Every structure is written in C-alpha cells, then in structure tokens.
PDB file of N, CA and C in Angstrom:
ATOM      1  N   MET A   1       0.843  -1.185   0.000  1.00  0.00           N
ATOM      2  CA  MET A   1       0.000   0.000   0.000  1.00  0.00           C
ATOM      3  C   MET A   1       0.884   1.242   0.000  1.00  0.00           C
ATOM      4  N   ARG A   2       0.561   2.171  -0.847  1.00  0.00           N
ATOM      5  CA  ARG A   2       1.338   3.401  -0.938  1.00  0.00           C
ATOM      6  C   ARG A   2       0.887   4.378   0.145  1.00  0.00           C
ATOM      7  N   ALA A   3       1.733   5.360   0.416  1.00  0.00           N
ATOM      8  CA  ALA A   3       1.423   6.354   1.445  1.00  0.00           C
ATOM      9  C   ALA A   3       0.157   7.136   1.102  1.00  0.00           C
ATOM     10  N   GLY A   4      -0.046   7.462  -0.164  1.00  0.00           N
ATOM     11  CA  GLY A   4      -1.242   8.188  -0.590  1.00  0.00           C
ATOM     12  C   GLY A   4      -2.508   7.388  -0.357  1.00  0.00           C
ATOM     13  N   ASP A   5      -2.424   6.074  -0.584  1.00  0.00           N
ATOM     14  CA  ASP A   5      -3.569   5.200  -0.346  1.00  0.00           C
ATOM     15  C   ASP A   5      -3.926   5.184   1.130  1.00  0.00           C
ATOM     16  N   SER A   6      -2.917   5.140   1.963  1.00  0.00           N
ATOM     17  CA  SER A   6      -3.145   5.123   3.403  1.00  0.00           C
ATOM     18  C   SER A   6      -3.806   6.415   3.867  1.00  0.00           C
ATOM     19  N   ALA A   7      -3.343   7.539   3.357  1.00  0.00           N
ATOM     20  CA  ALA A   7      -3.920   8.828   3.734  1.00  0.00           C
ATOM     21  C   ALA A   7      -5.364   8.926   3.270  1.00  0.00           C
ATOM     22  N   ALA A   8      -5.650   8.402   2.085  1.00  0.00           N
ATOM     23  CA  ALA A   8      -7.016   8.424   1.576  1.00  0.00           C
ATOM     24  C   ALA A   8      -7.914   7.537   2.431  1.00  0.00           C
ATOM     25  N   THR A   9      -7.408   6.376   2.831  1.00  0.00           N
ATOM     26  CA  THR A   9      -8.175   5.473   3.686  1.00  0.00           C
ATOM     27  C   THR A   9      -8.471   6.116   5.025  1.00  0.00           C
ATOM     28  N   VAL A  10      -7.488   6.789   5.591  1.00  0.00           N
ATOM     29  CA  VAL A  10      -7.669   7.476   6.867  1.00  0.00           C
ATOM     30  C   VAL A  10      -8.721   8.575   6.720  1.00  0.00           C
ATOM     31  N   ALA A  11      -8.650   9.333   5.642  1.00  0.00           N
ATOM     32  CA  ALA A  11      -9.615  10.415   5.433  1.00  0.00           C
ATOM     33  C   ALA A  11     -11.024   9.872   5.274  1.00  0.00           C
ATOM     34  N   VAL A  12     -11.166   8.769   4.561  1.00  0.00           N
ATOM     35  CA  VAL A  12     -12.486   8.162   4.375  1.00  0.00           C
ATOM     36  C   VAL A  12     -13.023   7.641   5.698  1.00  0.00           C
ATOM     37  N   ARG A  13     -12.179   6.988   6.469  1.00  0.00           N
ATOM     38  CA  ARG A  13     -12.596   6.455   7.780  1.00  0.00           C
ATOM     39  C   ARG A  13     -13.026   7.593   8.703  1.00  0.00           C
ATOM     40  N   ARG A  14     -12.248   8.672   8.720  1.00  0.00           N
ATOM     41  CA  ARG A  14     -12.580   9.819   9.560  1.00  0.00           C
ATOM     42  C   ARG A  14     -13.915  10.425   9.129  1.00  0.00           C
ATOM     43  N   GLU A  15     -14.102  10.562   7.815  1.00  0.00           N
ATOM     44  CA  GLU A  15     -15.348  11.121   7.290  1.00  0.00           C
ATOM     45  C   GLU A  15     -16.543  10.232   7.647  1.00  0.00           C
ATOM     46  N   ASP A  16     -16.358   8.914   7.551  1.00  0.00           N
ATOM     47  CA  ASP A  16     -17.431   7.983   7.912  1.00  0.00           C
ATOM     48  C   ASP A  16     -17.819   8.125   9.384  1.00  0.00           C
ATOM     49  N   LEU A  17     -16.822   8.250  10.240  1.00  0.00           N
ATOM     50  CA  LEU A  17     -17.100   8.403  11.671  1.00  0.00           C
ATOM     51  C   LEU A  17     -17.818   9.723  11.966  1.00  0.00           C
ATOM     52  N   LEU A  18     -17.409  10.793  11.282  1.00  0.00           N
ATOM     53  CA  LEU A  18     -18.066  12.084  11.506  1.00  0.00           C
ATOM     54  C   LEU A  18     -19.495  12.087  10.973  1.00  0.00           C
ATOM     55  N   LYS A  19     -19.736  11.366   9.871  1.00  0.00           N
ATOM     56  CA  LYS A  19     -21.102  11.239   9.354  1.00  0.00           C
ATOM     57  C   LYS A  19     -21.967  10.452  10.330  1.00  0.00           C
ATOM     58  N   ALA A  20     -21.410   9.397  10.893  1.00  0.00           N
ATOM     59  CA  ALA A  20     -22.143   8.607  11.882  1.00  0.00           C
ATOM     60  C   ALA A  20     -22.455   9.463  13.103  1.00  0.00           C
ATOM     61  N   ALA A  21     -21.501  10.273  13.538  1.00  0.00           N
ATOM     62  CA  ALA A  21     -21.727  11.152  14.685  1.00  0.00           C
ATOM     63  C   ALA A  21     -22.860  12.132  14.400  1.00  0.00           C
ATOM     64  N   ALA A  22     -22.887  12.672  13.206  1.00  0.00           N
ATOM     65  CA  ALA A  22     -23.957  13.606  12.835  1.00  0.00           C
ATOM     66  C   ALA A  22     -25.309  12.907  12.839  1.00  0.00           C
ATOM     67  N   ALA A  23     -25.347  11.668  12.382  1.00  0.00           N
ATOM     68  CA  ALA A  23     -26.600  10.909  12.382  1.00  0.00           C
ATOM     69  C   ALA A  23     -27.066  10.639  13.817  1.00  0.00           C
ATOM     70  N   PHE A  24     -26.131  10.297  14.689  1.00  0.00           N
ATOM     71  CA  PHE A  24     -26.485  10.067  16.093  1.00  0.00           C
ATOM     72  C   PHE A  24     -26.977  11.349  16.756  1.00  0.00           C
ATOM     73  N   GLU A  25     -26.357  12.481  16.411  1.00  0.00           N
ATOM     74  CA  GLU A  25     -26.797  13.761  16.957  1.00  0.00           C
ATOM     75  C   GLU A  25     -28.212  14.095  16.509  1.00  0.00           C
ATOM     76  N   ALA A  26     -28.525  13.820  15.244  1.00  0.00           N
ATOM     77  CA  ALA A  26     -29.876  14.066  14.740  1.00  0.00           C
ATOM     78  C   ALA A  26     -30.879  13.159  15.443  1.00  0.00           C
ATOM     79  N   ALA A  27     -30.499  11.900  15.648  1.00  0.00           N
ATOM     80  CA  ALA A  27     -31.380  10.969  16.355  1.00  0.00           C
ATOM     81  C   ALA A  27     -31.588  11.417  17.802  1.00  0.00           C
ATOM     82  N   ALA A  28     -30.539  11.948  18.422  1.00  0.00           N
ATOM     83  CA  ALA A  28     -30.640  12.435  19.797  1.00  0.00           C
ATOM     84  C   ALA A  28     -31.587  13.627  19.877  1.00  0.00           C
ATOM     85  N   GLN A  29     -31.477  14.513  18.917  1.00  0.00           N
ATOM     86  CA  GLN A  29     -32.358  15.684  18.908  1.00  0.00           C
ATOM     87  C   GLN A  29     -33.812  15.260  18.708  1.00  0.00           C
ATOM     88  N   GLU A  30     -34.035  14.322  17.809  1.00  0.00           N
ATOM     89  CA  GLU A  30     -35.392  13.827  17.555  1.00  0.00           C
ATOM     90  C   GLU A  30     -35.963  13.167  18.815  1.00  0.00           C
ATOM     91  N   ALA A  31     -35.150  12.346  19.469  1.00  0.00           N
ATOM     92  CA  ALA A  31     -35.600  11.679  20.690  1.00  0.00           C
ATOM     93  C   ALA A  31     -35.915  12.699  21.781  1.00  0.00           C
ATOM     94  N   ALA A  32     -35.074  13.725  21.903  1.00  0.00           N
ATOM     95  CA  ALA A  32     -35.302  14.752  22.916  1.00  0.00           C
ATOM     96  C   ALA A  32     -36.592  15.516  22.636  1.00  0.00           C
ATOM     97  N   CYS A  33     -36.844  15.806  21.372  1.00  0.00           N
ATOM     98  CA  CYS A  33     -38.076  16.509  21.010  1.00  0.00           C
ATOM     99  C   CYS A  33     -39.312  15.689  21.326  1.00  0.00           C
ATOM    100  N   ASN A  34     -39.172  14.367  21.289  1.00  0.00           N
ATOM    101  CA  ASN A  34     -40.293  13.484  21.587  1.00  0.00           C
ATOM    102  C   ASN A  34     -40.374  13.121  23.065  1.00  0.00           C
ATOM    103  N   GLY A  35     -39.488  13.687  23.880  1.00  0.00           N
ATOM    104  CA  GLY A  35     -39.521  13.460  25.321  1.00  0.00           C
ATOM    105  C   GLY A  35     -38.820  12.195  25.783  1.00  0.00           C
ATOM    106  N   HIS A  36     -38.044  11.564  24.913  1.00  0.00           N
ATOM    107  CA  HIS A  36     -37.326  10.341  25.273  1.00  0.00           C
ATOM    108  C   HIS A  36     -35.908  10.707  25.720  1.00  0.00           C
ATOM    109  N   VAL A  37     -35.794  11.107  26.956  1.00  0.00           N
ATOM    110  CA  VAL A  37     -34.527  11.630  27.468  1.00  0.00           C
ATOM    111  C   VAL A  37     -33.439  10.559  27.501  1.00  0.00           C
ATOM    112  N   ALA A  38     -33.771   9.358  27.973  1.00  0.00           N
ATOM    113  CA  ALA A  38     -32.766   8.294  28.068  1.00  0.00           C
ATOM    114  C   ALA A  38     -32.245   7.915  26.678  1.00  0.00           C
ATOM    115  N   GLU A  39     -33.133   7.793  25.716  1.00  0.00           N
ATOM    116  CA  GLU A  39     -32.722   7.462  24.356  1.00  0.00           C
ATOM    117  C   GLU A  39     -31.848   8.576  23.775  1.00  0.00           C
ATOM    118  N   SER A  40     -32.222   9.809  24.046  1.00  0.00           N
ATOM    119  CA  SER A  40     -31.443  10.953  23.581  1.00  0.00           C
ATOM    120  C   SER A  40     -30.034  10.914  24.167  1.00  0.00           C
ATOM    121  N   ALA A  41     -29.949  10.611  25.453  1.00  0.00           N
ATOM    122  CA  ALA A  41     -28.643  10.544  26.116  1.00  0.00           C
ATOM    123  C   ALA A  41     -27.777   9.454  25.503  1.00  0.00           C
ATOM    124  N   ARG A  42     -28.370   8.294  25.201  1.00  0.00           N
ATOM    125  CA  ARG A  42     -27.607   7.208  24.577  1.00  0.00           C
ATOM    126  C   ARG A  42     -27.075   7.616  23.211  1.00  0.00           C
ATOM    127  N   GLU A  43     -27.901   8.304  22.438  1.00  0.00           N
ATOM    128  CA  GLU A  43     -27.479   8.737  21.110  1.00  0.00           C
ATOM    129  C   GLU A  43     -26.372   9.788  21.197  1.00  0.00           C
ATOM    130  N   ILE A  44     -26.450  10.654  22.181  1.00  0.00           N
ATOM    131  CA  ILE A  44     -25.392  11.654  22.384  1.00  0.00           C
ATOM    132  C   ILE A  44     -24.070  10.964  22.711  1.00  0.00           C
ATOM    133  N   LEU A  45     -24.129   9.954  23.575  1.00  0.00           N
ATOM    134  CA  LEU A  45     -22.909   9.226  23.920  1.00  0.00           C
ATOM    135  C   LEU A  45     -22.333   8.495  22.707  1.00  0.00           C
ATOM    136  N   ARG A  46     -23.186   7.949  21.872  1.00  0.00           N
ATOM    137  CA  ARG A  46     -22.716   7.292  20.654  1.00  0.00           C
ATOM    138  C   ARG A  46     -22.061   8.308  19.717  1.00  0.00           C
ATOM    139  N   ALA A  47     -22.643   9.497  19.608  1.00  0.00           N
ATOM    140  CA  ALA A  47     -22.072  10.549  18.763  1.00  0.00           C
ATOM    141  C   ALA A  47     -20.702  10.983  19.288  1.00  0.00           C
ATOM    142  N   LEU A  48     -20.616  11.156  20.591  1.00  0.00           N
ATOM    143  CA  LEU A  48     -19.338  11.560  21.189  1.00  0.00           C
ATOM    144  C   LEU A  48     -18.265  10.499  20.983  1.00  0.00           C
ATOM    145  N   ASP A  49     -18.650   9.224  21.060  1.00  0.00           N
ATOM    146  CA  ASP A  49     -17.699   8.144  20.824  1.00  0.00           C
ATOM    147  C   ASP A  49     -17.175   8.189  19.391  1.00  0.00           C
ATOM    148  N   CYS A  50     -18.073   8.421  18.434  1.00  0.00           N
ATOM    149  CA  CYS A  50     -17.646   8.520  17.032  1.00  0.00           C
ATOM    150  C   CYS A  50     -16.710   9.705  16.824  1.00  0.00           C
ATOM    151  N   GLU A  51     -17.016  10.830  17.453  1.00  0.00           N
ATOM    152  CA  GLU A  51     -16.151  12.003  17.331  1.00  0.00           C
ATOM    153  C   GLU A  51     -14.778  11.735  17.930  1.00  0.00           C
ATOM    154  N   ARG A  52     -14.754  11.048  19.065  1.00  0.00           N
ATOM    155  CA  ARG A  52     -13.478  10.710  19.703  1.00  0.00           C
ATOM    156  C   ARG A  52     -12.667   9.788  18.812  1.00  0.00           C
ATOM    157  N   ARG A  53     -13.313   8.772  18.253  1.00  0.00           N
ATOM    158  CA  ARG A  53     -12.605   7.841  17.384  1.00  0.00           C
ATOM    159  C   ARG A  53     -12.146   8.515  16.093  1.00  0.00           C
ATOM    160  N   ALA A  54     -12.917   9.461  15.577  1.00  0.00           N
ATOM    161  CA  ALA A  54     -12.520  10.187  14.366  1.00  0.00           C
ATOM    162  C   ALA A  54     -11.250  10.989  14.619  1.00  0.00           C
ATOM    163  N   GLY A  55     -11.117  11.502  15.820  1.00  0.00           N
ATOM    164  CA  GLY A  55      -9.932  12.282  16.166  1.00  0.00           C
ATOM    165  C   GLY A  55      -8.680  11.448  16.321  1.00  0.00           C
ATOM    166  N   SER A  56      -8.852  10.144  16.545  1.00  0.00           N
ATOM    167  CA  SER A  56      -7.679   9.301  16.759  1.00  0.00           C
ATOM    168  C   SER A  56      -7.383   8.384  15.579  1.00  0.00           C
ATOM    169  N   VAL A  57      -8.067   8.581  14.457  1.00  0.00           N
ATOM    170  CA  VAL A  57      -7.808   7.771  13.263  1.00  0.00           C
ATOM    171  C   VAL A  57      -6.504   8.233  12.624  1.00  0.00           C
ATOM    172  N   GLY A  58      -5.717   7.286  12.195  1.00  0.00           N
ATOM    173  CA  GLY A  58      -4.471   7.623  11.511  1.00  0.00           C
ATOM    174  C   GLY A  58      -3.278   7.542  12.431  1.00  0.00           C
ATOM    175  N   PRO A  59      -2.143   7.903  11.900  1.00  0.00           N
ATOM    176  CA  PRO A  59      -0.917   7.807  12.704  1.00  0.00           C
ATOM    177  C   PRO A  59      -0.940   8.787  13.870  1.00  0.00           C
ATOM    178  N   GLN A  60      -0.407   8.326  14.956  1.00  0.00           N
ATOM    179  CA  GLN A  60      -0.333   9.149  16.156  1.00  0.00           C
ATOM    180  C   GLN A  60       1.108   9.622  16.342  1.00  0.00           C
ATOM    181  N   VAL A  61       1.247  10.833  16.775  1.00  0.00           N
ATOM    182  CA  VAL A  61       2.570  11.406  16.985  1.00  0.00           C
ATOM    183  C   VAL A  61       2.749  11.650  18.476  1.00  0.00           C
ATOM    184  N   LEU A  62       3.811  11.116  18.997  1.00  0.00           N
ATOM    185  CA  LEU A  62       4.121  11.302  20.407  1.00  0.00           C
ATOM    186  C   LEU A  62       5.257  12.309  20.508  1.00  0.00           C
ATOM    187  N   GLN A  63       5.006  13.379  21.207  1.00  0.00           N
ATOM    188  CA  GLN A  63       6.041  14.400  21.370  1.00  0.00           C
ATOM    189  C   GLN A  63       6.670  14.235  22.750  1.00  0.00           C
ATOM    190  N   LEU A  64       7.948  14.220  22.762  1.00  0.00           N
ATOM    191  CA  LEU A  64       8.674  14.147  24.019  1.00  0.00           C
ATOM    192  C   LEU A  64       9.227  15.526  24.335  1.00  0.00           C
ATOM    193  N   ILE A  65       9.007  15.951  25.532  1.00  0.00           N
ATOM    194  CA  ILE A  65       9.485  17.266  25.955  1.00  0.00           C
ATOM    195  C   ILE A  65      10.710  17.071  26.827  1.00  0.00           C
ATOM    196  N   LYS A  66      11.788  17.654  26.383  1.00  0.00           N
ATOM    197  CA  LYS A  66      13.013  17.558  27.156  1.00  0.00           C
ATOM    198  C   LYS A  66      13.001  18.642  28.227  1.00  0.00           C
ATOM    199  N   PRO A  67      13.261  18.254  29.458  1.00  0.00           N
ATOM    200  CA  PRO A  67      13.349  19.283  30.499  1.00  0.00           C
ATOM    201  C   PRO A  67      14.613  20.118  30.315  1.00  0.00           C
ATOM    202  N   ARG A  68      14.475  21.378  30.638  1.00  0.00           N
ATOM    203  CA  ARG A  68      15.643  22.255  30.523  1.00  0.00           C
ATOM    204  C   ARG A  68      16.579  22.019  31.696  1.00  0.00           C
ATOM    205  N   ALA A  69      17.841  22.031  31.373  1.00  0.00           N
ATOM    206  CA  ALA A  69      18.850  21.768  32.412  1.00  0.00           C
ATOM    207  C   ALA A  69      19.138  22.968  33.249  1.00  0.00           C
TER     208      ALA A  69
END
C-alpha cells in the first residue's frame, strides 16, 4: 500500500465516523423533542464516541518534551 492510499483510507474512515456522529446527533435531537430523554442521552454518547474515534484515526505522533537543564 502506498502512502497516498493510506492517507485516503484514513480520510475516508474519519469522514465515515463524523457522518455517523452527525446521524447520532440528529437521532438524539429527535428523541429529545419526543420526550425520550434516556434514548437521547444514549445517542449523544454514541455521537461523542464517534467524534473521539474520528480524532484518533491515523498515525499518532508522540512528542517528548526535554526538560531544561
């Protein structure tokens, strides 16, 4: 797999997760409007999980901070 293919796959995965989060948010709003608070809360948590996972898709960079002497 080439580097460009990997970046495209990451972008597609991130976009899919953000679309799912938007769908969960819409479902949460609909449930809240209908007075289903527990269902709304579950959908909000599902949306937040998708947003969290979208933020962590792809390579991760760990920065090390050197203390000053």
